[in-house]
Amino acid sequence: MPVVDSPARESQLDALIAAGGYWGLAPDWVPRAGYVRDRDTLIRALAALRRLVQNETARLRRRRTCAY
């Protein structure tokens, strides 16, 4: 069954995060404040994560081809 995004689900998630419920899942050493929430920062972070995945994939492929 597909997950349906709805305003009600979004507001429930917002309420959970506002109440601090999300932080119960994170270790104590994770900062609780100071996060930038603008679109440009999110786009740059996403691009960096994609580069990390691509680099790791390439590294694993090289290791696999060099093993023979």
N, C-alpha and C. Protein backbone atom coordinates (compact mmCIF):
# COMPACT_ATOMS: atom_id res chain seq x y z
N MET A 1 0.85 -1.18 0.00
CA MET A 1 0.00 0.00 0.00
C MET A 1 0.90 1.24 0.00
N PRO A 2 0.71 2.18 -0.92
CA PRO A 2 1.56 3.36 -0.98
C PRO A 2 1.30 4.31 0.18
N VAL A 3 2.33 5.02 0.58
CA VAL A 3 2.18 6.02 1.63
C VAL A 3 1.62 7.29 1.01
N VAL A 4 0.57 7.79 1.59
CA VAL A 4 -0.09 8.99 1.07
C VAL A 4 0.29 10.16 1.95
N ASP A 5 0.90 11.18 1.35
CA ASP A 5 1.21 12.40 2.09
C ASP A 5 -0.05 13.23 2.17
N SER A 6 -0.34 13.67 3.35
CA SER A 6 -1.52 14.51 3.52
C SER A 6 -1.17 15.61 4.52
N PRO A 7 -1.94 16.69 4.49
CA PRO A 7 -1.68 17.75 5.48
C PRO A 7 -1.79 17.24 6.91
N ALA A 8 -2.69 16.30 7.15
CA ALA A 8 -2.85 15.76 8.51
C ALA A 8 -1.59 15.03 8.95
N ARG A 9 -1.02 14.21 8.05
CA ARG A 9 0.21 13.47 8.38
C ARG A 9 1.37 14.46 8.60
N GLU A 10 1.41 15.50 7.76
CA GLU A 10 2.46 16.50 7.90
C GLU A 10 2.35 17.24 9.22
N SER A 11 1.16 17.61 9.60
CA SER A 11 0.98 18.34 10.85
C SER A 11 1.27 17.44 12.05
N GLN A 12 0.98 16.15 11.93
CA GLN A 12 1.32 15.22 13.01
C GLN A 12 2.82 15.11 13.17
N LEU A 13 3.55 15.04 12.05
CA LEU A 13 5.00 14.99 12.10
C LEU A 13 5.56 16.29 12.66
N ASP A 14 5.02 17.43 12.23
CA ASP A 14 5.46 18.71 12.77
C ASP A 14 5.25 18.78 14.27
N ALA A 15 4.11 18.30 14.73
CA ALA A 15 3.81 18.31 16.17
C ALA A 15 4.78 17.40 16.93
N LEU A 16 5.09 16.24 16.36
CA LEU A 16 6.02 15.32 17.00
C LEU A 16 7.41 15.96 17.13
N ILE A 17 7.87 16.58 16.06
CA ILE A 17 9.19 17.22 16.09
C ILE A 17 9.19 18.40 17.05
N ALA A 18 8.14 19.21 17.02
CA ALA A 18 8.06 20.37 17.91
C ALA A 18 8.06 19.94 19.38
N ALA A 19 7.49 18.78 19.64
CA ALA A 19 7.44 18.28 21.02
C ALA A 19 8.75 17.61 21.44
N GLY A 20 9.69 17.50 20.51
CA GLY A 20 10.97 16.89 20.84
C GLY A 20 10.99 15.39 20.64
N GLY A 21 9.94 14.83 20.06
CA GLY A 21 9.85 13.39 19.87
C GLY A 21 10.92 12.83 18.96
N TYR A 22 11.29 13.59 17.96
CA TYR A 22 12.32 13.12 17.02
C TYR A 22 13.64 12.93 17.73
N TRP A 23 13.96 13.82 18.65
CA TRP A 23 15.28 13.77 19.29
C TRP A 23 15.43 12.57 20.21
N GLY A 24 14.35 11.92 20.53
CA GLY A 24 14.46 10.68 21.31
C GLY A 24 15.15 9.58 20.53
N LEU A 25 15.18 9.72 19.21
CA LEU A 25 15.82 8.73 18.34
C LEU A 25 17.30 9.04 18.11
N ALA A 26 17.72 10.26 18.39
CA ALA A 26 19.09 10.68 18.11
C ALA A 26 19.95 10.58 19.37
N PRO A 27 21.24 10.25 19.22
CA PRO A 27 22.13 10.20 20.39
C PRO A 27 22.30 11.59 21.00
N ASP A 28 22.73 11.65 22.24
CA ASP A 28 22.87 12.92 22.94
C ASP A 28 23.89 13.86 22.30
N TRP A 29 24.89 13.30 21.60
CA TRP A 29 25.93 14.16 21.03
C TRP A 29 25.49 14.88 19.76
N VAL A 30 24.32 14.57 19.22
CA VAL A 30 23.81 15.25 18.03
C VAL A 30 23.28 16.63 18.44
N PRO A 31 23.77 17.71 17.80
CA PRO A 31 23.29 19.05 18.15
C PRO A 31 21.78 19.18 17.93
N ARG A 32 21.13 19.86 18.84
CA ARG A 32 19.68 20.03 18.76
C ARG A 32 19.26 21.34 18.12
N ALA A 33 20.19 22.22 17.85
CA ALA A 33 19.86 23.53 17.29
C ALA A 33 20.95 23.95 16.31
N GLY A 34 20.68 25.02 15.59
CA GLY A 34 21.69 25.57 14.69
C GLY A 34 21.62 25.06 13.28
N TYR A 35 20.57 24.36 12.92
CA TYR A 35 20.44 23.84 11.57
C TYR A 35 19.89 24.91 10.64
N VAL A 36 20.47 25.01 9.47
CA VAL A 36 20.00 25.96 8.46
C VAL A 36 18.88 25.28 7.67
N ARG A 37 17.83 26.01 7.44
CA ARG A 37 16.67 25.40 6.76
C ARG A 37 16.35 26.07 5.44
N ASP A 38 17.33 26.65 4.78
CA ASP A 38 17.01 27.27 3.50
C ASP A 38 17.24 26.28 2.37
N ARG A 39 16.60 26.51 1.27
CA ARG A 39 16.60 25.58 0.13
C ARG A 39 18.00 25.39 -0.46
N ASP A 40 18.78 26.46 -0.57
CA ASP A 40 20.12 26.34 -1.16
C ASP A 40 21.02 25.42 -0.35
N THR A 41 20.94 25.51 0.97
CA THR A 41 21.75 24.64 1.82
C THR A 41 21.33 23.19 1.65
N LEU A 42 20.04 22.95 1.57
CA LEU A 42 19.55 21.58 1.38
C LEU A 42 20.00 21.03 0.03
N ILE A 43 19.98 21.85 -1.00
CA ILE A 43 20.41 21.40 -2.33
C ILE A 43 21.90 21.06 -2.31
N ARG A 44 22.71 21.91 -1.66
CA ARG A 44 24.15 21.63 -1.57
C ARG A 44 24.42 20.36 -0.76
N ALA A 45 23.67 20.17 0.33
CA ALA A 45 23.85 18.96 1.15
C ALA A 45 23.46 17.72 0.35
N LEU A 46 22.39 17.78 -0.39
CA LEU A 46 21.96 16.65 -1.21
C LEU A 46 23.00 16.33 -2.27
N ALA A 47 23.55 17.35 -2.91
CA ALA A 47 24.59 17.14 -3.93
C ALA A 47 25.82 16.49 -3.31
N ALA A 48 26.20 16.93 -2.12
CA ALA A 48 27.36 16.34 -1.44
C ALA A 48 27.11 14.88 -1.09
N LEU A 49 25.92 14.56 -0.63
CA LEU A 49 25.60 13.17 -0.31
C LEU A 49 25.62 12.30 -1.57
N ARG A 50 25.11 12.84 -2.67
CA ARG A 50 25.14 12.08 -3.93
C ARG A 50 26.57 11.82 -4.38
N ARG A 51 27.45 12.84 -4.23
CA ARG A 51 28.86 12.64 -4.59
C ARG A 51 29.50 11.57 -3.73
N LEU A 52 29.18 11.56 -2.44
CA LEU A 52 29.72 10.53 -1.56
C LEU A 52 29.30 9.14 -2.01
N VAL A 53 28.04 8.98 -2.35
CA VAL A 53 27.53 7.68 -2.81
C VAL A 53 28.20 7.28 -4.12
N GLN A 54 28.33 8.23 -5.04
CA GLN A 54 28.98 7.92 -6.32
C GLN A 54 30.44 7.53 -6.12
N ASN A 55 31.15 8.25 -5.25
CA ASN A 55 32.54 7.93 -4.99
C ASN A 55 32.69 6.55 -4.35
N GLU A 56 31.81 6.24 -3.43
CA GLU A 56 31.88 4.93 -2.77
C GLU A 56 31.56 3.82 -3.76
N THR A 57 30.58 4.04 -4.62
CA THR A 57 30.23 3.05 -5.64
C THR A 57 31.40 2.81 -6.58
N ALA A 58 32.05 3.89 -7.01
CA ALA A 58 33.21 3.76 -7.90
C ALA A 58 34.34 3.02 -7.20
N ARG A 59 34.55 3.31 -5.92
CA ARG A 59 35.61 2.64 -5.17
C ARG A 59 35.35 1.15 -5.06
N LEU A 60 34.11 0.79 -4.81
CA LEU A 60 33.76 -0.63 -4.70
C LEU A 60 33.91 -1.34 -6.05
N ARG A 61 33.55 -0.66 -7.13
CA ARG A 61 33.71 -1.26 -8.46
C ARG A 61 35.19 -1.48 -8.77
N ARG A 62 36.02 -0.49 -8.44
CA ARG A 62 37.46 -0.65 -8.69
C ARG A 62 38.01 -1.81 -7.89
N ARG A 63 37.58 -1.96 -6.66
CA ARG A 63 38.07 -3.04 -5.82
C ARG A 63 37.66 -4.39 -6.41
N ARG A 64 36.44 -4.46 -6.92
CA ARG A 64 35.93 -5.71 -7.48
C ARG A 64 36.71 -6.06 -8.76
N THR A 65 37.01 -5.09 -9.60
CA THR A 65 37.71 -5.40 -10.86
C THR A 65 39.19 -5.69 -10.61
N CYS A 66 39.76 -5.12 -9.56
CA CYS A 66 41.19 -5.35 -9.27
C CYS A 66 41.41 -6.69 -8.56
N ALA A 67 40.37 -7.27 -8.02
CA ALA A 67 40.52 -8.52 -7.25
C ALA A 67 40.79 -9.71 -8.15
N TYR A 68 40.54 -9.59 -9.43
CA TYR A 68 40.70 -10.74 -10.31
C TYR A 68 42.08 -10.85 -10.87
